[in-house]
Protein backbone atom coordinates (compact mmCIF):
# COMPACT_ATOMS: atom_id res chain seq x y z
CA UNK A 1 24.45 1.40 -29.65
CA UNK A 2 23.33 -2.12 -30.26
CA UNK A 3 25.55 -4.65 -31.97
CA UNK A 4 23.47 -4.42 -35.12
CA UNK A 5 24.14 -0.70 -35.31
CA UNK A 6 27.93 -1.14 -35.29
CA UNK A 7 28.10 -4.40 -37.35
CA UNK A 8 28.95 -4.11 -41.09
CA UNK A 9 26.03 -5.09 -43.20
CA UNK A 10 25.44 -8.60 -44.47
CA UNK A 11 23.12 -8.86 -47.36
CA UNK A 12 21.17 -11.93 -48.20
CA UNK A 13 20.29 -12.63 -51.82
CA UNK A 14 16.47 -13.14 -52.24
CA UNK A 15 16.44 -13.36 -56.08
CA UNK A 16 18.65 -13.25 -59.11
CA UNK A 17 18.00 -12.13 -62.72
CA UNK A 18 20.09 -12.06 -65.85
CA UNK A 19 20.86 -8.53 -66.94
CA UNK A 20 20.27 -7.73 -70.65
CA UNK A 21 23.88 -6.70 -71.12
CA UNK A 22 25.51 -9.88 -69.71
CA UNK A 23 25.74 -9.09 -66.10
CA UNK A 24 23.52 -10.22 -63.18
CA UNK A 25 20.96 -8.55 -61.02
CA UNK A 26 20.91 -9.54 -57.40
CA UNK A 27 17.85 -8.56 -55.36
CA UNK A 28 19.13 -8.44 -51.73
CA UNK A 29 17.83 -7.85 -48.26
CA UNK A 30 19.85 -6.59 -45.25
CA UNK A 31 20.20 -9.65 -42.98
CA UNK A 32 22.17 -7.86 -40.17
CA UNK A 33 24.15 -4.78 -39.50
CA UNK A 34 23.84 -1.17 -40.67
CA UNK A 35 22.19 -0.85 -44.08
CA UNK A 36 24.81 0.42 -46.61
CA UNK A 37 24.40 3.75 -48.28
CA UNK A 38 24.27 4.23 -52.11
CA UNK A 39 27.71 5.83 -52.02
CA UNK A 40 29.10 2.84 -50.06
CA UNK A 41 27.66 0.45 -52.71
CA UNK A 42 28.71 2.32 -55.86
CA UNK A 43 31.54 0.51 -57.50
CA UNK A 44 32.21 -1.46 -54.28
CA UNK A 45 33.57 -4.93 -54.12
CA UNK A 46 31.87 -7.69 -52.23
CA UNK A 47 32.39 -11.27 -51.21
CA UNK A 48 29.38 -13.53 -52.06
CA UNK A 49 29.29 -16.75 -49.96
CA UNK A 50 27.04 -19.74 -50.67
CA UNK A 51 25.48 -21.79 -47.81
CA UNK A 52 28.15 -24.48 -48.72
CA UNK A 53 31.03 -22.00 -48.17
CA UNK A 54 31.91 -21.37 -51.84
CA UNK A 55 33.04 -17.70 -52.27
CA UNK A 56 32.97 -15.47 -55.37
CA UNK A 57 34.30 -11.94 -55.53
CA UNK A 58 32.09 -9.43 -57.33
CA UNK A 59 31.80 -5.72 -58.04
CA UNK A 60 28.66 -3.53 -58.06
CA UNK A 61 28.40 -1.79 -61.38
CA UNK A 62 25.06 -0.13 -61.00
CA UNK A 63 21.51 -0.33 -59.65
CA UNK A 64 18.47 -1.29 -61.82
CA UNK A 65 15.69 1.31 -61.68
CA UNK A 66 12.63 -0.82 -62.41
CA UNK A 67 11.46 -0.19 -58.79
CA UNK A 68 12.34 3.52 -58.77
CA UNK A 69 15.49 5.45 -58.15
CA UNK A 70 17.52 3.93 -55.25
CA UNK A 71 18.13 6.20 -52.20
CA UNK A 72 19.56 5.84 -48.72
CA UNK A 73 16.10 6.40 -47.22
CA UNK A 74 14.65 3.61 -49.24
CA UNK A 75 17.40 1.21 -48.27
CA UNK A 76 16.83 2.10 -44.61
CA UNK A 77 13.05 1.90 -44.73
CA UNK A 78 12.75 -1.32 -46.82
CA UNK A 79 16.01 -3.15 -46.01
CA UNK A 80 16.22 -4.13 -49.60
CA UNK A 81 18.64 -3.17 -52.46
CA UNK A 82 18.94 -4.43 -56.11
CA UNK A 83 22.39 -4.58 -57.51
CA UNK A 84 23.82 -4.96 -60.98
CA UNK A 85 27.01 -7.05 -60.54
CA UNK A 86 29.96 -8.37 -62.46
CA UNK A 87 32.61 -10.48 -61.01
CA UNK A 88 35.73 -12.69 -60.81
CA UNK A 89 34.70 -16.21 -61.03
CA UNK A 90 31.33 -17.82 -61.66
CA UNK A 91 28.78 -15.05 -60.79
CA UNK A 92 26.18 -17.04 -62.60
CA UNK A 93 26.19 -19.56 -59.78
CA UNK A 94 25.06 -16.98 -57.35
CA UNK A 95 21.43 -17.75 -56.25
CA UNK A 96 19.04 -17.37 -53.33
CA UNK A 97 20.37 -17.77 -49.92
CA UNK A 98 23.82 -16.60 -50.71
CA UNK A 99 25.18 -13.79 -48.45
CA UNK A 100 27.21 -10.74 -49.44
CA UNK A 101 29.97 -9.45 -47.16
CA UNK A 102 32.74 -6.91 -46.91
CA UNK A 103 31.20 -3.95 -48.77
CA UNK A 104 34.27 -1.70 -49.64
CA UNK A 105 36.62 -0.48 -52.25
CA UNK A 106 38.32 -3.87 -52.93
CA UNK A 107 37.46 -7.07 -50.95
CA UNK A 108 40.49 -8.74 -49.70
CA UNK A 109 40.54 -12.23 -48.09
């Protein structure tokens, strides 16, 4: 196995949108590591880190379907995943170039 096949995924934010119900949509791309599965992402907690080192904890609450239903095969083939998120802290400050780490049940620092 190569290091990227054993490394947890790091997602890079490539675009952000306001969700109509007050949350945020993050369009992301797998930067390195194993692409996460849909089950790993559902209700998972993430740490978003800015290029300046600011960190915000957030939770995946769903997936927008404007590009079609999300599947593990789609994530693996495209390396992209769109997430509807809510968070602790200022999730509105999350923008392009932020990175998402620690996909899991509850992010701990």
